[in-house]
Amino acid sequence: MNITRTSIFTNITRTLDLPVTQEQINNYANGTLLQNAFPNLSPDDREFIKSGVTGEEWNELFGHMEE
């Protein structure tokens, strides 16, 4: 599913094709914790849904972080 978000840091809008369902999106919108709503996504992909920040953008701004 295509997910479009605007980065909270750079105000750049991006769209990623992520393996999520409408049910997962609805659960998150209704208060399910991010990691519980999207257990199949990587931390980078969950961060994108939450803040619009991609893993690449995060690394450029803050350096690479260990998982």
C-alpha atoms as a PDB file:
ATOM      1  CA  MET A   1       0.000   0.000   0.000  1.00  0.00           C
ATOM      2  CA  ASN A   2       1.317   3.449  -0.838  1.00  0.00           C
ATOM      3  CA  ILE A   3       1.825   5.530   2.296  1.00  0.00           C
ATOM      4  CA  THR A   4       2.515   9.255   1.952  1.00  0.00           C
ATOM      5  CA  ARG A   5       4.005  11.250   4.793  1.00  0.00           C
ATOM      6  CA  THR A   6       5.770  14.585   5.218  1.00  0.00           C
ATOM      7  CA  SER A   7       9.013  14.583   7.190  1.00  0.00           C
ATOM      8  CA  ILE A   8       8.810  16.413  10.503  1.00  0.00           C
ATOM      9  CA  PHE A   9      12.429  17.513  10.042  1.00  0.00           C
ATOM     10  CA  THR A  10      12.740  18.525   6.391  1.00  0.00           C
ATOM     11  CA  ASN A  11       9.096  19.047   5.367  1.00  0.00           C
ATOM     12  CA  ILE A  12       9.737  16.815   2.323  1.00  0.00           C
ATOM     13  CA  THR A  13       6.759  14.696   1.284  1.00  0.00           C
ATOM     14  CA  ARG A  14       7.503  11.129   0.201  1.00  0.00           C
ATOM     15  CA  THR A  15       5.490   8.050  -0.683  1.00  0.00           C
ATOM     16  CA  LEU A  16       6.654   4.536   0.150  1.00  0.00           C
ATOM     17  CA  ASP A  17       5.043   1.287  -0.936  1.00  0.00           C
ATOM     18  CA  LEU A  18       4.833  -0.648   2.326  1.00  0.00           C
ATOM     19  CA  PRO A  19       3.449  -4.138   3.000  1.00  0.00           C
ATOM     20  CA  VAL A  20       0.594  -2.996   5.239  1.00  0.00           C
ATOM     21  CA  THR A  21      -3.150  -3.523   5.224  1.00  0.00           C
ATOM     22  CA  GLN A  22      -5.999  -1.085   5.652  1.00  0.00           C
ATOM     23  CA  GLU A  23      -6.858  -2.916   8.864  1.00  0.00           C
ATOM     24  CA  GLN A  24      -3.374  -2.173  10.248  1.00  0.00           C
ATOM     25  CA  ILE A  25      -3.699   1.491   9.269  1.00  0.00           C
ATOM     26  CA  ASN A  26      -7.104   1.668  10.958  1.00  0.00           C
ATOM     27  CA  ASN A  27      -5.799  -0.020  14.114  1.00  0.00           C
ATOM     28  CA  TYR A  28      -2.942   2.477  14.353  1.00  0.00           C
ATOM     29  CA  ALA A  29      -5.289   5.412  13.732  1.00  0.00           C
ATOM     30  CA  ASN A  30      -7.517   4.089  16.528  1.00  0.00           C
ATOM     31  CA  GLY A  31      -4.709   3.994  19.073  1.00  0.00           C
ATOM     32  CA  THR A  32      -2.903   0.677  18.641  1.00  0.00           C
ATOM     33  CA  LEU A  33       0.782   1.131  19.392  1.00  0.00           C
ATOM     34  CA  LEU A  34       2.881   1.495  16.253  1.00  0.00           C
ATOM     35  CA  GLN A  35       4.968  -1.620  16.899  1.00  0.00           C
ATOM     36  CA  ASN A  36       1.820  -3.659  17.568  1.00  0.00           C
ATOM     37  CA  ALA A  37      -0.081  -2.345  14.562  1.00  0.00           C
ATOM     38  CA  PHE A  38       2.834  -3.036  12.195  1.00  0.00           C
ATOM     39  CA  PRO A  39       4.884  -5.921  13.633  1.00  0.00           C
ATOM     40  CA  ASN A  40       5.983  -6.952  10.146  1.00  0.00           C
ATOM     41  CA  LEU A  41       7.679  -3.614   9.363  1.00  0.00           C
ATOM     42  CA  SER A  42      11.257  -2.621  10.039  1.00  0.00           C
ATOM     43  CA  PRO A  43      11.940   0.128  12.569  1.00  0.00           C
ATOM     44  CA  ASP A  44      12.776   2.460   9.651  1.00  0.00           C
ATOM     45  CA  ASP A  45       9.414   1.805   7.991  1.00  0.00           C
ATOM     46  CA  ARG A  46       7.548   2.301  11.271  1.00  0.00           C
ATOM     47  CA  GLU A  47       9.382   5.592  11.806  1.00  0.00           C
ATOM     48  CA  PHE A  48       8.317   6.676   8.331  1.00  0.00           C
ATOM     49  CA  ILE A  49       4.665   6.019   9.190  1.00  0.00           C
ATOM     50  CA  LYS A  50       5.018   7.891  12.477  1.00  0.00           C
ATOM     51  CA  SER A  51       7.061  10.920  11.433  1.00  0.00           C
ATOM     52  CA  GLY A  52       7.599  10.862   7.675  1.00  0.00           C
ATOM     53  CA  VAL A  53      11.328  10.412   8.218  1.00  0.00           C
ATOM     54  CA  THR A  54      13.011   7.745   6.090  1.00  0.00           C
ATOM     55  CA  GLY A  55      15.943   5.690   7.332  1.00  0.00           C
ATOM     56  CA  GLU A  56      18.211   7.462   4.857  1.00  0.00           C
ATOM     57  CA  GLU A  57      17.067  10.882   6.029  1.00  0.00           C
ATOM     58  CA  TRP A  58      17.549   9.872   9.676  1.00  0.00           C
ATOM     59  CA  ASN A  59      21.107   8.728   8.945  1.00  0.00           C
ATOM     60  CA  GLU A  60      21.900  11.961   7.100  1.00  0.00           C
ATOM     61  CA  LEU A  61      20.595  14.061   9.995  1.00  0.00           C
ATOM     62  CA  PHE A  62      21.762  12.020  12.987  1.00  0.00           C
ATOM     63  CA  GLY A  63      24.213   9.391  11.736  1.00  0.00           C
ATOM     64  CA  HIS A  64      23.646   5.642  11.600  1.00  0.00           C
ATOM     65  CA  MET A  65      22.123   4.162  14.741  1.00  0.00           C
ATOM     66  CA  GLU A  66      22.435   0.528  15.794  1.00  0.00           C
ATOM     67  CA  GLU A  67      19.197  -1.454  16.110  1.00  0.00           C
END
